[in-house]
Structures are given as structure tokens and as C-alpha cells.
Amino acid sequence: MNKIAFTTSGKDFAAQMDPRFGRAANFLIYDIEHNSLQIMDNKEGRDASQGAGIQAAETVVRAGVDTLVTGHCGPKAFKVLDASGVAVYNCTAATVEEALAGLLAGTLQPASASDVEGHW
């Protein structure tokens, strides 16, 4: 686990988690090795009439992320992420900080499949 993406509407660790993956406002990417944050706007995914999950998954993969923490992930996005070696963790934490703490403590379990139908 080197680069972790979190779905959020904010821009820092105190930000609220966004339960949606494909239509999340932003991805907060935390690079553990360099202890750095990057915010990626998910405008393409948010504005897509179709395929928001696939576009969001491609954005995360291009960013070099190996771990995704989100509320929910649909089947098409999960397939892209899984094929690219990105581990997906579903999480109900209120903030990115809480989600990161759960991930690092080992209380979050990797998903083996999508947890919602498409167009969620």
C-alpha cells in the first residue's frame, strides 16, 4: 500500500467521505512513502451521462493508486480497478481521517466484488 485514494467532497484529511465512487466530487490521494496529499477533481466522472465509474476508475489508475477507499463501488468500475491491481475497500467512515485510521489499523477488509449495481 503506497498510494491510497479516498472519495471525498473536500480537500484534506478532515473532509467528509463521499459514499459514491464514480460520481465523487474529488479523490484525495495520500502517498504514504512521501507523506504527501494530492487532490484530483473528478469532473469527468461527475459530469458523465454514462460510464462515470469507468472514467473514475481510469483516473485513479492513471494516478498510480494501488488502494481505493470509498463508500460504494459499482461492477464496471470494480472490474477496471481489479484488473489494474487496485485494492478496493468499502468504508462507512465519516471523514477521510477516520477511513485512513481504519485502513492502517486493519479494520477495513478488501472487497472481493462490487457492492452496488451500476448507476448507483
N, C-alpha and C. Protein backbone atom coordinates (compact mmCIF):
# COMPACT_ATOMS: atom_id res chain seq x y z
N MET A 1 0.86 -1.17 0.00
CA MET A 1 0.00 0.00 0.00
C MET A 1 0.90 1.24 0.00
N ASN A 2 0.95 1.91 -1.14
CA ASN A 2 1.78 3.12 -1.26
C ASN A 2 0.96 4.37 -1.50
N LYS A 3 0.03 4.29 -2.47
CA LYS A 3 -0.82 5.44 -2.79
C LYS A 3 -2.27 5.04 -2.58
N ILE A 4 -2.94 5.80 -1.73
CA ILE A 4 -4.33 5.49 -1.37
C ILE A 4 -5.22 6.62 -1.86
N ALA A 5 -6.30 6.28 -2.57
CA ALA A 5 -7.28 7.27 -3.00
C ALA A 5 -8.51 7.14 -2.11
N PHE A 6 -9.03 8.28 -1.68
CA PHE A 6 -10.26 8.34 -0.89
C PHE A 6 -11.27 9.17 -1.66
N THR A 7 -12.53 8.75 -1.68
CA THR A 7 -13.56 9.55 -2.31
C THR A 7 -14.04 10.58 -1.30
N THR A 8 -14.05 11.84 -1.70
CA THR A 8 -14.39 12.91 -0.76
C THR A 8 -14.96 14.12 -1.50
N SER A 9 -15.63 14.96 -0.75
CA SER A 9 -16.09 16.24 -1.30
C SER A 9 -15.14 17.35 -0.90
N GLY A 10 -14.15 17.04 -0.07
CA GLY A 10 -13.25 18.06 0.45
C GLY A 10 -11.84 17.95 -0.08
N LYS A 11 -10.92 18.57 0.66
CA LYS A 11 -9.55 18.69 0.17
C LYS A 11 -8.49 18.38 1.23
N ASP A 12 -8.89 17.77 2.36
CA ASP A 12 -7.91 17.43 3.38
C ASP A 12 -8.42 16.24 4.20
N PHE A 13 -7.62 15.81 5.17
CA PHE A 13 -7.99 14.63 5.96
C PHE A 13 -9.27 14.82 6.77
N ALA A 14 -9.61 16.07 7.11
CA ALA A 14 -10.83 16.32 7.89
C ALA A 14 -12.09 16.31 7.03
N ALA A 15 -11.92 16.20 5.73
CA ALA A 15 -13.06 16.25 4.80
C ALA A 15 -13.97 15.04 4.95
N GLN A 16 -15.23 15.24 4.63
CA GLN A 16 -16.21 14.17 4.65
C GLN A 16 -15.92 13.17 3.53
N MET A 17 -16.09 11.91 3.82
CA MET A 17 -16.01 10.88 2.78
C MET A 17 -17.23 11.02 1.88
N ASP A 18 -17.06 10.78 0.60
CA ASP A 18 -18.18 10.73 -0.34
C ASP A 18 -18.49 9.25 -0.55
N PRO A 19 -19.72 8.81 -0.29
CA PRO A 19 -20.02 7.38 -0.40
C PRO A 19 -20.01 6.86 -1.84
N ARG A 20 -20.04 7.77 -2.82
CA ARG A 20 -20.05 7.36 -4.22
C ARG A 20 -18.63 7.30 -4.75
N PHE A 21 -18.36 6.36 -5.63
CA PHE A 21 -17.06 6.33 -6.28
C PHE A 21 -17.12 7.10 -7.59
N GLY A 22 -17.91 6.62 -8.54
CA GLY A 22 -17.92 7.20 -9.88
C GLY A 22 -18.29 8.66 -9.93
N ARG A 23 -19.15 9.10 -9.04
CA ARG A 23 -19.60 10.49 -9.06
C ARG A 23 -19.12 11.28 -7.84
N ALA A 24 -18.08 10.79 -7.19
CA ALA A 24 -17.49 11.53 -6.07
C ALA A 24 -16.98 12.88 -6.57
N ALA A 25 -17.01 13.88 -5.72
CA ALA A 25 -16.53 15.21 -6.11
C ALA A 25 -15.03 15.19 -6.37
N ASN A 26 -14.28 14.58 -5.46
CA ASN A 26 -12.81 14.58 -5.55
C ASN A 26 -12.25 13.24 -5.11
N PHE A 27 -11.00 13.04 -5.48
CA PHE A 27 -10.21 11.95 -4.92
C PHE A 27 -9.06 12.60 -4.15
N LEU A 28 -8.96 12.28 -2.88
CA LEU A 28 -7.81 12.70 -2.10
C LEU A 28 -6.82 11.54 -2.17
N ILE A 29 -5.65 11.80 -2.69
CA ILE A 29 -4.66 10.74 -2.85
C ILE A 29 -3.54 10.99 -1.85
N TYR A 30 -3.35 9.99 -0.99
CA TYR A 30 -2.32 10.07 0.03
C TYR A 30 -1.19 9.13 -0.34
N ASP A 31 0.00 9.70 -0.50
CA ASP A 31 1.20 8.92 -0.80
C ASP A 31 1.90 8.65 0.52
N ILE A 32 1.82 7.42 1.00
CA ILE A 32 2.39 7.06 2.30
C ILE A 32 3.90 7.26 2.31
N GLU A 33 4.56 6.81 1.27
CA GLU A 33 6.02 6.87 1.21
C GLU A 33 6.55 8.30 1.34
N HIS A 34 5.88 9.24 0.67
CA HIS A 34 6.33 10.63 0.68
C HIS A 34 5.52 11.51 1.64
N ASN A 35 4.55 10.91 2.34
CA ASN A 35 3.68 11.64 3.26
C ASN A 35 3.12 12.90 2.60
N SER A 36 2.56 12.73 1.40
CA SER A 36 2.04 13.88 0.65
C SER A 36 0.59 13.63 0.23
N LEU A 37 -0.12 14.73 0.05
CA LEU A 37 -1.51 14.71 -0.40
C LEU A 37 -1.63 15.34 -1.78
N GLN A 38 -2.55 14.80 -2.56
CA GLN A 38 -2.88 15.38 -3.87
C GLN A 38 -4.40 15.31 -3.98
N ILE A 39 -5.00 16.38 -4.46
CA ILE A 39 -6.45 16.38 -4.70
C ILE A 39 -6.67 16.31 -6.20
N MET A 40 -7.49 15.35 -6.61
CA MET A 40 -7.85 15.23 -8.02
C MET A 40 -9.35 15.46 -8.15
N ASP A 41 -9.71 16.43 -8.95
CA ASP A 41 -11.11 16.70 -9.23
C ASP A 41 -11.66 15.58 -10.11
N ASN A 42 -12.84 15.12 -9.81
CA ASN A 42 -13.47 14.05 -10.59
C ASN A 42 -14.53 14.62 -11.52
N LYS A 43 -14.23 15.72 -12.16
CA LYS A 43 -15.19 16.39 -13.04
C LYS A 43 -15.69 15.47 -14.16
N GLU A 44 -14.79 14.72 -14.77
CA GLU A 44 -15.21 13.83 -15.86
C GLU A 44 -16.23 12.81 -15.37
N GLY A 45 -15.98 12.21 -14.23
CA GLY A 45 -16.90 11.23 -13.68
C GLY A 45 -18.22 11.86 -13.26
N ARG A 46 -18.13 13.01 -12.57
CA ARG A 46 -19.35 13.69 -12.10
C ARG A 46 -20.24 14.11 -13.25
N ASP A 47 -19.64 14.56 -14.34
CA ASP A 47 -20.41 15.10 -15.46
C ASP A 47 -20.80 14.07 -16.51
N ALA A 48 -20.32 12.84 -16.37
CA ALA A 48 -20.61 11.82 -17.39
C ALA A 48 -22.07 11.41 -17.34
N SER A 49 -22.69 11.32 -18.52
CA SER A 49 -24.07 10.84 -18.56
C SER A 49 -24.10 9.33 -18.38
N GLN A 50 -23.04 8.67 -18.80
CA GLN A 50 -22.88 7.22 -18.61
C GLN A 50 -21.41 6.93 -18.37
N GLY A 51 -21.12 5.81 -17.74
CA GLY A 51 -19.74 5.38 -17.56
C GLY A 51 -18.95 6.15 -16.53
N ALA A 52 -19.63 6.78 -15.57
CA ALA A 52 -18.93 7.56 -14.55
C ALA A 52 -17.95 6.70 -13.77
N GLY A 53 -18.35 5.50 -13.42
CA GLY A 53 -17.48 4.62 -12.65
C GLY A 53 -16.24 4.22 -13.41
N ILE A 54 -16.40 3.91 -14.68
CA ILE A 54 -15.25 3.53 -15.51
C ILE A 54 -14.29 4.70 -15.65
N GLN A 55 -14.83 5.89 -15.90
CA GLN A 55 -13.97 7.08 -16.03
C GLN A 55 -13.23 7.36 -14.73
N ALA A 56 -13.94 7.25 -13.61
CA ALA A 56 -13.31 7.48 -12.31
C ALA A 56 -12.22 6.44 -12.05
N ALA A 57 -12.50 5.19 -12.39
CA ALA A 57 -11.51 4.12 -12.19
C ALA A 57 -10.26 4.39 -13.03
N GLU A 58 -10.44 4.81 -14.26
CA GLU A 58 -9.30 5.11 -15.12
C GLU A 58 -8.48 6.28 -14.57
N THR A 59 -9.16 7.27 -13.99
CA THR A 59 -8.48 8.41 -13.39
C THR A 59 -7.61 7.96 -12.22
N VAL A 60 -8.16 7.12 -11.38
CA VAL A 60 -7.44 6.62 -10.21
C VAL A 60 -6.24 5.76 -10.65
N VAL A 61 -6.45 4.91 -11.63
CA VAL A 61 -5.37 4.05 -12.12
C VAL A 61 -4.24 4.90 -12.71
N ARG A 62 -4.59 5.90 -13.51
CA ARG A 62 -3.58 6.78 -14.12
C ARG A 62 -2.76 7.52 -13.05
N ALA A 63 -3.37 7.75 -11.89
CA ALA A 63 -2.68 8.46 -10.81
C ALA A 63 -1.71 7.55 -10.06
N GLY A 64 -1.68 6.27 -10.42
CA GLY A 64 -0.74 5.35 -9.78
C GLY A 64 -1.20 4.83 -8.43
N VAL A 65 -2.48 4.91 -8.17
CA VAL A 65 -3.05 4.46 -6.91
C VAL A 65 -3.06 2.94 -6.85
N ASP A 66 -2.75 2.37 -5.69
CA ASP A 66 -2.84 0.92 -5.52
C ASP A 66 -3.94 0.51 -4.53
N THR A 67 -4.55 1.51 -3.86
CA THR A 67 -5.61 1.24 -2.89
C THR A 67 -6.67 2.32 -3.01
N LEU A 68 -7.94 1.91 -3.00
CA LEU A 68 -9.06 2.84 -3.04
C LEU A 68 -9.95 2.60 -1.83
N VAL A 69 -10.28 3.67 -1.12
CA VAL A 69 -11.22 3.60 -0.01
C VAL A 69 -12.42 4.47 -0.38
N THR A 70 -13.58 3.85 -0.45
CA THR A 70 -14.80 4.53 -0.87
C THR A 70 -16.00 3.93 -0.17
N GLY A 71 -17.13 4.59 -0.29
CA GLY A 71 -18.35 4.05 0.29
C GLY A 71 -18.84 2.86 -0.52
N HIS A 72 -19.01 3.07 -1.82
CA HIS A 72 -19.57 2.03 -2.70
C HIS A 72 -18.87 2.07 -4.05
N CYS A 73 -18.79 0.90 -4.67
CA CYS A 73 -18.15 0.78 -5.99
C CYS A 73 -18.98 -0.17 -6.84
N GLY A 74 -19.37 0.30 -8.02
CA GLY A 74 -20.19 -0.50 -8.92
C GLY A 74 -19.38 -1.53 -9.69
N PRO A 75 -20.08 -2.42 -10.42
CA PRO A 75 -19.42 -3.55 -11.07
C PRO A 75 -18.43 -3.19 -12.18
N LYS A 76 -18.75 -2.22 -13.01
CA LYS A 76 -17.84 -1.87 -14.10
C LYS A 76 -16.57 -1.21 -13.57
N ALA A 77 -16.74 -0.30 -12.62
CA ALA A 77 -15.58 0.35 -12.01
C ALA A 77 -14.73 -0.68 -11.27
N PHE A 78 -15.39 -1.57 -10.53
CA PHE A 78 -14.65 -2.59 -9.78
C PHE A 78 -13.82 -3.45 -10.72
N LYS A 79 -14.38 -3.80 -11.86
CA LYS A 79 -13.67 -4.64 -12.83
C LYS A 79 -12.40 -3.95 -13.32
N VAL A 80 -12.50 -2.66 -13.65
CA VAL A 80 -11.33 -1.89 -14.11
C VAL A 80 -10.28 -1.81 -13.01
N LEU A 81 -10.72 -1.50 -11.80
CA LEU A 81 -9.80 -1.38 -10.67
C LEU A 81 -9.12 -2.71 -10.37
N ASP A 82 -9.90 -3.76 -10.31
CA ASP A 82 -9.37 -5.09 -10.00
C ASP A 82 -8.36 -5.53 -11.06
N ALA A 83 -8.68 -5.31 -12.32
CA ALA A 83 -7.78 -5.69 -13.41
C ALA A 83 -6.46 -4.90 -13.37
N SER A 84 -6.51 -3.72 -12.77
CA SER A 84 -5.32 -2.87 -12.68
C SER A 84 -4.57 -3.07 -11.37
N GLY A 85 -5.05 -3.98 -10.54
CA GLY A 85 -4.35 -4.27 -9.29
C GLY A 85 -4.64 -3.31 -8.16
N VAL A 86 -5.73 -2.55 -8.26
CA VAL A 86 -6.10 -1.61 -7.21
C VAL A 86 -7.03 -2.33 -6.22
N ALA A 87 -6.62 -2.38 -4.96
CA ALA A 87 -7.45 -2.98 -3.92
C ALA A 87 -8.54 -1.99 -3.52
N VAL A 88 -9.77 -2.47 -3.45
CA VAL A 88 -10.91 -1.63 -3.11
C VAL A 88 -11.38 -1.96 -1.70
N TYR A 89 -11.57 -0.93 -0.90
CA TYR A 89 -12.08 -1.07 0.46
C TYR A 89 -13.35 -0.23 0.58
N ASN A 90 -14.46 -0.86 0.95
CA ASN A 90 -15.69 -0.12 1.21
C ASN A 90 -15.67 0.32 2.66
N CYS A 91 -16.12 1.54 2.90
CA CYS A 91 -15.96 2.13 4.22
C CYS A 91 -17.12 3.07 4.52
N THR A 92 -17.58 3.08 5.75
CA THR A 92 -18.66 3.98 6.15
C THR A 92 -18.16 5.10 7.06
N ALA A 93 -16.87 5.30 7.15
CA ALA A 93 -16.31 6.36 7.99
C ALA A 93 -16.84 7.72 7.56
N ALA A 94 -16.96 8.62 8.52
CA ALA A 94 -17.47 9.96 8.23
C ALA A 94 -16.44 10.82 7.52
N THR A 95 -15.17 10.69 7.91
CA THR A 95 -14.13 11.55 7.35
C THR A 95 -13.00 10.71 6.74
N VAL A 96 -12.21 11.37 5.91
CA VAL A 96 -11.04 10.71 5.31
C VAL A 96 -10.09 10.26 6.42
N GLU A 97 -9.91 11.09 7.43
CA GLU A 97 -9.03 10.77 8.54
C GLU A 97 -9.47 9.47 9.24
N GLU A 98 -10.76 9.32 9.48
CA GLU A 98 -11.28 8.10 10.11
C GLU A 98 -11.09 6.89 9.20
N ALA A 99 -11.31 7.09 7.90
CA ALA A 99 -11.13 5.99 6.94
C ALA A 99 -9.67 5.56 6.89
N LEU A 100 -8.75 6.51 6.87
CA LEU A 100 -7.33 6.18 6.85
C LEU A 100 -6.93 5.43 8.12
N ALA A 101 -7.43 5.88 9.26
CA ALA A 101 -7.11 5.21 10.52
C ALA A 101 -7.59 3.76 10.50
N GLY A 102 -8.80 3.54 10.00
CA GLY A 102 -9.34 2.18 9.89
C GLY A 102 -8.53 1.31 8.95
N LEU A 103 -8.12 1.89 7.84
CA LEU A 103 -7.32 1.14 6.87
C LEU A 103 -5.97 0.74 7.48
N LEU A 104 -5.30 1.69 8.10
CA LEU A 104 -3.98 1.42 8.67
C LEU A 104 -4.06 0.48 9.87
N ALA A 105 -5.18 0.52 10.60
CA ALA A 105 -5.35 -0.37 11.75
C ALA A 105 -5.76 -1.78 11.33
N GLY A 106 -6.10 -1.95 10.05
CA GLY A 106 -6.50 -3.26 9.56
C GLY A 106 -7.94 -3.62 9.83
N THR A 107 -8.77 -2.64 10.19
CA THR A 107 -10.18 -2.94 10.45
C THR A 107 -11.03 -2.95 9.19
N LEU A 108 -10.49 -2.42 8.08
CA LEU A 108 -11.21 -2.47 6.80
C LEU A 108 -10.75 -3.71 6.05
N GLN A 109 -11.69 -4.38 5.41
CA GLN A 109 -11.37 -5.58 4.64
C GLN A 109 -11.48 -5.28 3.15
N PRO A 110 -10.57 -5.81 2.33
CA PRO A 110 -10.68 -5.56 0.89
C PRO A 110 -11.93 -6.21 0.32
N ALA A 111 -12.55 -5.52 -0.62
CA ALA A 111 -13.76 -6.04 -1.26
C ALA A 111 -13.36 -7.09 -2.31
N SER A 112 -14.19 -8.09 -2.46
CA SER A 112 -13.92 -9.13 -3.48
C SER A 112 -14.80 -8.93 -4.71
N ALA A 113 -15.73 -7.99 -4.61
CA ALA A 113 -16.64 -7.69 -5.73
C ALA A 113 -17.28 -6.33 -5.48
N SER A 114 -18.01 -5.84 -6.48
CA SER A 114 -18.73 -4.58 -6.30
C SER A 114 -19.81 -4.78 -5.23
N ASP A 115 -20.21 -3.68 -4.61
CA ASP A 115 -21.23 -3.81 -3.56
C ASP A 115 -22.54 -3.13 -3.92
N VAL A 116 -22.60 -2.54 -5.11
CA VAL A 116 -23.85 -1.94 -5.60
C VAL A 116 -23.98 -2.25 -7.09
N GLU A 117 -25.18 -2.11 -7.59
CA GLU A 117 -25.40 -2.27 -9.03
C GLU A 117 -24.92 -1.01 -9.74
N GLY A 118 -24.79 -1.07 -11.04
CA GLY A 118 -24.40 0.09 -11.81
C GLY A 118 -25.42 1.20 -11.67
N HIS A 119 -25.03 2.41 -12.01
CA HIS A 119 -25.89 3.61 -11.96
C HIS A 119 -26.37 3.88 -10.56
N TRP A 120 -25.54 3.64 -9.57
CA TRP A 120 -25.92 3.90 -8.20
C TRP A 120 -25.70 5.33 -7.85
